Every structure is written in C-alpha cells, then in structure tokens.
Amino acid sequence: MPQSNPNMPICRDCDGFASVAIDTGTRHLDGTRVTLRVDCPTCKGTGHTLPAALVRAGR
C-alpha cells in the first residue's frame, strides 16, 4: 500500500495538529460560541515542515 507522502516530516512544534479552535467563553447573539482559529507559526497551518536543505536553498 503506498504511503501518502513519506518524505514530509511532521512539524515538531505542533505534532501535525496545525490548527486549533479556541473558545473565548463568550457567545454570539444566536447562542453559538465565539471561537478563534489559531495556526502553528512554525509550519503556518500545514502540519508539515520542509527539510533543512530546502530551507537553506530558498526553495
């Protein structure tokens, strides 16, 4: 069975969970909760990081 992308390492800062929704504790007028979506600053919400050789080469 082929792997989806074996060469893309998982981000070490977020362990692949790149985006989270944080509940602020308040509610909208219709009763739904106010949430903030926050992305991992290291991988910018992708869950994967580039190999160091590609980062140094500027790719």
N, C-alpha and C. Protein backbone atom coordinates (compact mmCIF):
# COMPACT_ATOMS: atom_id res chain seq x y z
N MET A 1 0.84 -1.17 0.00
CA MET A 1 0.00 0.00 0.00
C MET A 1 0.89 1.24 0.00
N PRO A 2 0.69 2.16 -0.93
CA PRO A 2 1.55 3.34 -1.00
C PRO A 2 1.26 4.32 0.14
N GLN A 3 2.31 4.97 0.58
CA GLN A 3 2.15 5.99 1.61
C GLN A 3 1.83 7.30 0.92
N SER A 4 1.12 8.17 1.63
CA SER A 4 0.68 9.41 1.02
C SER A 4 1.83 10.35 0.71
N ASN A 5 2.73 10.57 1.65
CA ASN A 5 3.87 11.43 1.42
C ASN A 5 4.92 11.15 2.49
N PRO A 6 5.74 10.13 2.31
CA PRO A 6 6.65 9.73 3.37
C PRO A 6 7.81 10.69 3.61
N ASN A 7 8.08 11.60 2.69
CA ASN A 7 9.24 12.48 2.82
C ASN A 7 8.95 13.80 3.52
N MET A 8 7.70 14.05 3.86
CA MET A 8 7.35 15.30 4.54
C MET A 8 7.33 15.08 6.05
N PRO A 9 8.32 15.60 6.78
CA PRO A 9 8.33 15.40 8.23
C PRO A 9 7.22 16.20 8.91
N ILE A 10 6.69 15.63 9.98
CA ILE A 10 5.66 16.30 10.76
C ILE A 10 6.31 17.42 11.57
N CYS A 11 5.61 18.52 11.69
CA CYS A 11 6.11 19.69 12.43
C CYS A 11 6.40 19.29 13.88
N ARG A 12 7.58 19.65 14.37
CA ARG A 12 7.97 19.27 15.73
C ARG A 12 7.29 20.14 16.79
N ASP A 13 6.79 21.29 16.39
CA ASP A 13 6.16 22.17 17.37
C ASP A 13 4.69 21.82 17.63
N CYS A 14 3.97 21.37 16.59
CA CYS A 14 2.55 21.08 16.77
C CYS A 14 2.20 19.61 16.59
N ASP A 15 3.17 18.77 16.25
CA ASP A 15 2.97 17.33 16.05
C ASP A 15 1.89 17.02 15.01
N GLY A 16 1.74 17.87 14.02
CA GLY A 16 0.78 17.63 12.95
C GLY A 16 -0.59 18.22 13.19
N PHE A 17 -0.87 18.71 14.41
CA PHE A 17 -2.14 19.37 14.70
C PHE A 17 -1.94 20.86 14.51
N ALA A 18 -2.00 21.30 13.27
CA ALA A 18 -1.55 22.63 12.90
C ALA A 18 -2.54 23.74 13.21
N SER A 19 -3.83 23.45 13.26
CA SER A 19 -4.83 24.48 13.52
C SER A 19 -5.69 24.06 14.70
N VAL A 20 -5.99 25.01 15.55
CA VAL A 20 -6.87 24.74 16.69
C VAL A 20 -7.93 25.82 16.77
N ALA A 21 -9.06 25.48 17.38
CA ALA A 21 -10.13 26.45 17.62
C ALA A 21 -10.19 26.66 19.13
N ILE A 22 -10.03 27.90 19.54
CA ILE A 22 -10.01 28.24 20.96
C ILE A 22 -11.32 28.93 21.31
N ASP A 23 -12.01 28.42 22.32
CA ASP A 23 -13.26 29.00 22.79
C ASP A 23 -12.93 30.20 23.69
N THR A 24 -13.54 31.34 23.40
CA THR A 24 -13.25 32.54 24.18
C THR A 24 -14.10 32.65 25.44
N GLY A 25 -15.15 31.83 25.54
CA GLY A 25 -16.02 31.88 26.72
C GLY A 25 -17.24 32.76 26.53
N THR A 26 -17.32 33.48 25.44
CA THR A 26 -18.49 34.32 25.18
C THR A 26 -19.33 33.69 24.08
N ARG A 27 -20.53 34.22 23.89
CA ARG A 27 -21.45 33.70 22.88
C ARG A 27 -21.94 34.82 21.96
N HIS A 28 -22.27 34.43 20.72
CA HIS A 28 -22.91 35.35 19.77
C HIS A 28 -24.37 35.52 20.19
N LEU A 29 -25.07 36.45 19.54
CA LEU A 29 -26.48 36.69 19.86
C LEU A 29 -27.35 35.47 19.56
N ASP A 30 -26.94 34.63 18.60
CA ASP A 30 -27.73 33.45 18.27
C ASP A 30 -27.40 32.25 19.16
N GLY A 31 -26.50 32.39 20.11
CA GLY A 31 -26.18 31.35 21.07
C GLY A 31 -24.95 30.53 20.74
N THR A 32 -24.39 30.70 19.56
CA THR A 32 -23.18 29.95 19.23
C THR A 32 -21.97 30.56 19.94
N ARG A 33 -20.97 29.74 20.13
CA ARG A 33 -19.77 30.20 20.85
C ARG A 33 -18.83 30.99 19.93
N VAL A 34 -18.15 31.96 20.52
CA VAL A 34 -17.14 32.73 19.81
C VAL A 34 -15.84 31.94 19.90
N THR A 35 -15.27 31.60 18.74
CA THR A 35 -14.01 30.85 18.72
C THR A 35 -12.98 31.59 17.88
N LEU A 36 -11.73 31.34 18.19
CA LEU A 36 -10.62 31.88 17.44
C LEU A 36 -9.88 30.71 16.79
N ARG A 37 -9.56 30.83 15.51
CA ARG A 37 -8.77 29.80 14.85
C ARG A 37 -7.32 30.26 14.86
N VAL A 38 -6.44 29.40 15.39
CA VAL A 38 -5.03 29.74 15.52
C VAL A 38 -4.21 28.67 14.80
N ASP A 39 -3.30 29.13 13.93
CA ASP A 39 -2.42 28.23 13.19
C ASP A 39 -1.04 28.19 13.84
N CYS A 40 -0.36 27.07 13.68
CA CYS A 40 1.00 26.92 14.19
C CYS A 40 1.91 27.92 13.45
N PRO A 41 2.68 28.75 14.16
CA PRO A 41 3.52 29.72 13.49
C PRO A 41 4.72 29.09 12.77
N THR A 42 5.13 27.90 13.18
CA THR A 42 6.29 27.27 12.55
C THR A 42 5.95 26.73 11.17
N CYS A 43 4.87 25.95 11.08
CA CYS A 43 4.51 25.33 9.80
C CYS A 43 3.43 26.11 9.07
N LYS A 44 2.94 27.18 9.65
CA LYS A 44 1.92 28.05 9.07
C LYS A 44 0.62 27.30 8.74
N GLY A 45 0.26 26.34 9.60
CA GLY A 45 -1.01 25.65 9.46
C GLY A 45 -1.02 24.45 8.55
N THR A 46 0.14 23.99 8.09
CA THR A 46 0.16 22.84 7.20
C THR A 46 0.36 21.53 7.94
N GLY A 47 1.01 21.55 9.09
CA GLY A 47 1.27 20.34 9.85
C GLY A 47 2.57 19.66 9.48
N HIS A 48 3.23 20.17 8.45
CA HIS A 48 4.49 19.60 7.98
C HIS A 48 5.54 20.69 7.88
N THR A 49 6.80 20.31 7.99
CA THR A 49 7.88 21.26 7.82
C THR A 49 8.74 20.84 6.64
N LEU A 50 9.46 21.77 6.09
CA LEU A 50 10.36 21.48 4.98
C LEU A 50 11.68 20.95 5.53
N PRO A 51 12.32 20.04 4.82
CA PRO A 51 13.65 19.61 5.23
C PRO A 51 14.61 20.80 5.26
N ALA A 52 15.59 20.77 6.15
CA ALA A 52 16.50 21.89 6.34
C ALA A 52 17.26 22.23 5.07
N ALA A 53 17.57 21.24 4.24
CA ALA A 53 18.30 21.50 3.00
C ALA A 53 17.49 22.38 2.05
N LEU A 54 16.17 22.20 2.01
CA LEU A 54 15.33 23.02 1.14
C LEU A 54 15.18 24.43 1.68
N VAL A 55 15.16 24.56 3.00
CA VAL A 55 15.03 25.89 3.60
C VAL A 55 16.27 26.72 3.32
N ARG A 56 17.46 26.11 3.45
CA ARG A 56 18.70 26.83 3.19
C ARG A 56 18.84 27.18 1.72
N ALA A 57 18.31 26.34 0.83
CA ALA A 57 18.42 26.59 -0.61
C ALA A 57 17.42 27.64 -1.07
N GLY A 58 16.45 27.99 -0.21
CA GLY A 58 15.47 29.01 -0.56
C GLY A 58 14.36 28.50 -1.45
N ARG A 59 14.06 27.21 -1.40
CA ARG A 59 13.01 26.66 -2.26
C ARG A 59 11.70 26.75 -1.58
